[in-house]
N, C-alpha and C. Protein backbone atom coordinates (compact mmCIF):
# COMPACT_ATOMS: atom_id res chain seq x y z
N UNK A 1 12.48 9.37 15.45
CA UNK A 1 11.43 10.36 14.31
C UNK A 1 10.06 9.74 14.50
N UNK A 2 8.79 10.36 15.04
CA UNK A 2 7.31 9.84 15.36
C UNK A 2 6.72 10.28 13.76
N UNK A 3 5.94 9.51 12.88
CA UNK A 3 5.36 8.97 12.10
C UNK A 3 4.22 10.53 11.95
N UNK A 4 4.11 11.11 10.72
CA UNK A 4 3.53 12.23 10.78
C UNK A 4 2.20 11.72 9.82
N UNK A 5 1.01 12.13 10.76
CA UNK A 5 -0.58 11.99 9.81
C UNK A 5 -0.44 12.21 8.59
N UNK A 6 -0.83 11.63 7.33
CA UNK A 6 -0.67 12.43 6.23
C UNK A 6 -2.38 12.13 5.54
N UNK A 7 -3.44 12.85 5.93
CA UNK A 7 -4.91 12.24 5.72
C UNK A 7 -4.58 11.17 6.38
N UNK A 8 -5.55 9.89 5.52
CA UNK A 8 -5.56 8.53 6.48
C UNK A 8 -4.32 8.23 6.30
N UNK A 9 -3.38 8.58 6.12
CA UNK A 9 -2.45 7.64 5.78
C UNK A 9 -1.05 7.77 6.42
N UNK A 10 0.23 7.28 6.63
CA UNK A 10 1.08 8.13 7.78
C UNK A 10 2.14 7.91 6.46
N UNK A 11 3.26 9.21 7.23
CA UNK A 11 4.22 9.32 6.53
C UNK A 11 5.82 8.84 7.45
N UNK A 12 5.97 7.60 7.18
CA UNK A 12 6.85 6.84 8.52
C UNK A 12 8.70 8.10 8.26
N UNK A 13 8.94 8.25 7.05
CA UNK A 13 9.95 8.86 6.70
C UNK A 13 10.81 8.34 5.68
N UNK A 14 12.05 8.64 5.71
CA UNK A 14 12.69 8.12 4.26
C UNK A 14 13.55 6.82 4.41
N UNK A 15 14.22 6.30 3.31
CA UNK A 15 14.86 5.10 3.01
C UNK A 15 15.65 5.34 1.81
N UNK A 16 16.64 4.56 2.18
CA UNK A 16 17.76 4.76 0.82
C UNK A 16 18.08 3.41 0.22
N UNK A 17 18.04 3.02 -1.44
CA UNK A 17 17.94 2.33 -2.16
C UNK A 17 19.47 1.71 -2.12
N UNK A 18 19.60 0.43 -1.67
CA UNK A 18 21.01 -0.15 -1.51
C UNK A 18 21.66 -0.47 -2.70
N UNK A 19 22.77 -0.53 -2.94
CA UNK A 19 23.75 -1.17 -4.56
C UNK A 19 22.83 -2.46 -4.84
N UNK A 20 22.07 -3.42 -4.11
CA UNK A 20 21.30 -4.67 -4.61
C UNK A 20 20.38 -4.28 -4.59
N UNK A 21 19.62 -3.14 -4.80
CA UNK A 21 18.19 -2.81 -4.56
C UNK A 21 17.46 -3.08 -3.56
N UNK A 22 18.16 -3.37 -2.29
CA UNK A 22 17.17 -3.32 -1.03
C UNK A 22 16.90 -2.02 -0.68
N UNK A 23 15.55 -2.01 0.09
CA UNK A 23 15.84 -0.73 0.92
C UNK A 23 14.97 -1.24 2.50
N UNK A 24 15.23 -0.46 3.56
CA UNK A 24 14.74 -0.82 4.71
C UNK A 24 13.60 -0.35 5.11
N UNK A 25 12.72 -0.99 5.50
CA UNK A 25 11.25 -0.34 5.85
C UNK A 25 11.68 0.28 7.51
N UNK A 26 11.41 1.45 7.75
CA UNK A 26 11.37 2.73 9.15
C UNK A 26 10.77 1.42 10.30
N UNK A 27 11.47 1.24 11.30
CA UNK A 27 10.73 0.50 12.36
C UNK A 27 9.37 0.39 12.78
N UNK A 28 8.83 1.85 12.51
CA UNK A 28 7.74 2.47 13.32
C UNK A 28 6.41 1.52 12.26
N UNK A 29 6.83 1.84 11.23
CA UNK A 29 5.87 0.97 9.92
C UNK A 29 5.71 -0.41 10.25
N UNK A 30 7.08 -0.94 10.33
CA UNK A 30 7.12 -2.69 10.74
C UNK A 30 5.99 -2.73 11.85
N UNK A 31 6.19 -1.97 12.67
CA UNK A 31 5.72 -2.05 13.69
C UNK A 31 4.19 -1.89 13.76
N UNK A 32 3.88 -0.69 13.04
CA UNK A 32 2.48 -0.55 13.15
C UNK A 32 1.74 -1.74 12.21
N UNK A 33 2.17 -1.90 11.08
CA UNK A 33 1.56 -2.96 10.08
C UNK A 33 2.30 -4.66 10.66
N UNK A 34 2.55 -4.40 11.57
CA UNK A 34 2.85 -5.85 12.02
C UNK A 34 3.61 -6.83 10.66
N UNK A 35 4.67 -6.58 10.26
CA UNK A 35 5.71 -6.69 9.44
C UNK A 35 6.65 -7.74 10.23
N UNK A 36 7.02 -8.92 9.71
CA UNK A 36 7.90 -9.69 10.10
C UNK A 36 8.91 -9.99 9.23
N UNK A 37 10.17 -10.50 9.79
CA UNK A 37 11.01 -11.05 9.09
C UNK A 37 10.46 -12.25 8.14
N UNK A 38 10.91 -12.55 6.60
CA UNK A 38 10.32 -13.34 5.73
C UNK A 38 8.82 -13.14 5.24
N UNK A 39 8.35 -12.12 5.45
CA UNK A 39 6.74 -11.61 5.34
C UNK A 39 7.04 -11.87 4.01
N UNK A 40 6.31 -12.37 2.75
CA UNK A 40 6.12 -11.98 1.61
C UNK A 40 5.20 -10.48 1.15
N UNK A 41 5.88 -9.48 0.66
CA UNK A 41 5.40 -8.59 -0.19
C UNK A 41 4.87 -8.57 -1.55
N UNK A 42 4.36 -7.50 -1.91
CA UNK A 42 3.67 -7.31 -3.40
C UNK A 42 4.07 -5.93 -3.66
N UNK A 43 4.88 -5.77 -4.89
CA UNK A 43 5.42 -4.34 -5.04
C UNK A 43 5.05 -4.14 -6.26
N UNK A 44 4.03 -3.07 -6.17
CA UNK A 44 3.35 -2.12 -7.45
C UNK A 44 4.27 -1.08 -7.69
N UNK A 45 4.31 -0.77 -9.43
CA UNK A 45 4.42 0.85 -9.54
C UNK A 45 3.21 1.26 -9.93
N UNK A 46 3.14 2.57 -10.23
CA UNK A 46 1.90 3.13 -10.77
C UNK A 46 2.49 4.08 -11.48
N UNK A 47 2.13 4.51 -12.53
CA UNK A 47 2.15 6.06 -13.45
C UNK A 47 4.31 6.16 -13.47
N UNK A 48 4.95 5.05 -13.29
CA UNK A 48 6.53 5.31 -13.41
C UNK A 48 6.58 6.16 -12.31
N UNK A 49 5.80 6.42 -11.33
CA UNK A 49 6.45 7.58 -10.56
C UNK A 49 6.56 7.02 -8.88
N UNK A 50 5.84 5.81 -8.59
CA UNK A 50 5.80 5.71 -7.17
C UNK A 50 5.71 3.84 -7.00
N UNK A 51 6.09 3.42 -6.09
CA UNK A 51 5.92 2.15 -5.89
C UNK A 51 4.83 2.34 -4.57
N UNK A 52 4.35 0.90 -4.27
CA UNK A 52 3.26 0.51 -3.49
C UNK A 52 4.04 -0.94 -3.31
N UNK A 53 3.74 -0.87 -1.53
CA UNK A 53 4.47 -2.48 -0.96
C UNK A 53 2.98 -2.49 0.23
N UNK A 54 2.97 -4.00 -0.30
CA UNK A 54 1.26 -4.62 0.46
C UNK A 54 1.90 -6.17 1.10
N UNK A 55 1.63 -6.44 2.34
CA UNK A 55 1.28 -7.52 2.65
C UNK A 55 0.75 -8.42 1.70
N UNK A 56 1.21 -9.76 1.07
CA UNK A 56 0.49 -10.77 0.45
C UNK A 56 -0.96 -11.39 0.88
N UNK A 57 -0.60 -11.46 2.27
CA UNK A 57 -1.41 -11.97 2.97
C UNK A 57 -2.61 -11.03 3.17
N UNK A 58 -2.54 -9.71 3.04
CA UNK A 58 -3.91 -8.61 2.69
C UNK A 58 -4.09 -8.34 1.78
N UNK A 59 -4.03 -9.15 0.44
CA UNK A 59 -4.47 -9.05 -0.98
C UNK A 59 -5.78 -9.86 -0.90
N UNK A 60 -6.24 -10.80 -0.38
CA UNK A 60 -7.10 -11.46 -0.34
C UNK A 60 -8.38 -10.79 0.18
N UNK A 61 -8.24 -9.74 1.26
CA UNK A 61 -9.07 -9.30 1.98
C UNK A 61 -9.29 -7.98 0.69
N UNK A 62 -8.75 -7.36 0.34
CA UNK A 62 -8.65 -6.13 -0.57
C UNK A 62 -9.61 -6.40 -1.88
N UNK A 63 -9.01 -7.85 -2.39
CA UNK A 63 -9.73 -8.34 -3.50
C UNK A 63 -11.27 -8.52 -3.28
N UNK A 64 -11.73 -8.99 -2.16
CA UNK A 64 -13.01 -9.77 -1.58
C UNK A 64 -14.02 -8.25 -1.32
N UNK A 65 -13.24 -7.14 -0.67
CA UNK A 65 -13.62 -5.62 -0.63
C UNK A 65 -14.26 -4.92 -2.39
N UNK A 66 -12.85 -5.01 -2.83
CA UNK A 66 -13.39 -4.83 -4.30
C UNK A 66 -14.42 -5.37 -4.97
N UNK A 67 -14.19 -6.54 -5.05
CA UNK A 67 -15.42 -7.73 -5.33
C UNK A 67 -17.02 -7.08 -4.94
N UNK A 68 -16.82 -6.89 -3.77
CA UNK A 68 -18.29 -6.64 -2.71
C UNK A 68 -18.76 -4.81 -3.84
N UNK A 69 -17.65 -4.38 -3.99
CA UNK A 69 -18.02 -2.92 -4.29
C UNK A 69 -18.28 -2.43 -6.03
N UNK A 70 -18.34 -3.19 -6.63
CA UNK A 70 -18.24 -3.56 -7.94
C UNK A 70 -19.20 -2.92 -8.26
N UNK A 71 -20.62 -3.33 -8.18
CA UNK A 71 -21.89 -2.82 -8.40
C UNK A 71 -21.87 -1.61 -8.12
N UNK A 72 -21.37 -0.99 -6.95
CA UNK A 72 -21.77 0.59 -6.60
C UNK A 72 -20.67 1.07 -7.74
N UNK A 73 -19.43 0.74 -8.20
CA UNK A 73 -18.29 1.14 -8.84
C UNK A 73 -19.11 1.22 -9.99
N UNK A 74 -19.51 0.35 -10.56
CA UNK A 74 -20.48 0.46 -12.24
C UNK A 74 -21.77 1.64 -12.11
N UNK A 75 -21.96 1.89 -11.06
CA UNK A 75 -22.78 2.00 -10.77
C UNK A 75 -23.19 4.21 -10.82
N UNK A 76 -21.48 4.31 -10.15
CA UNK A 76 -21.28 5.99 -10.14
C UNK A 76 -20.53 6.09 -11.48
N UNK A 77 -19.95 4.79 -12.16
CA UNK A 77 -19.56 5.09 -13.60
C UNK A 77 -20.22 5.23 -14.77
N UNK A 78 -21.88 4.36 -14.41
CA UNK A 78 -22.76 5.29 -15.61
C UNK A 78 -23.60 6.59 -15.02
N UNK A 79 -23.24 7.00 -14.21
CA UNK A 79 -23.77 8.17 -13.87
C UNK A 79 -22.98 9.69 -13.49
N UNK A 80 -21.51 9.36 -13.78
CA UNK A 80 -20.90 9.92 -13.85
C UNK A 80 -20.65 10.93 -15.71
N UNK A 81 -20.53 11.87 -15.18
CA UNK A 81 -20.31 13.04 -16.69
C UNK A 81 -19.26 12.29 -17.70
N UNK A 82 -19.65 12.15 -19.25
CA UNK A 82 -18.97 11.57 -20.06
C UNK A 82 -18.27 12.56 -20.92
């Protein structure tokens, strides 16, 4: 199955939760994201409706990018309609 573009995101297919709570990440996703066996992943939930899985090694870069943009976010928030 070829991954389907979904905006700037990619839909890789589906997986099933096993009896021990494990899921298999589709091979194309593992290849595209260069995931290796034993790699640590961060699992976060949102709104009690979905999960996000991210490489721990990517967290530092994301946090740095957010920190650089905080002043932009503050400016947007202060000009937004209340």
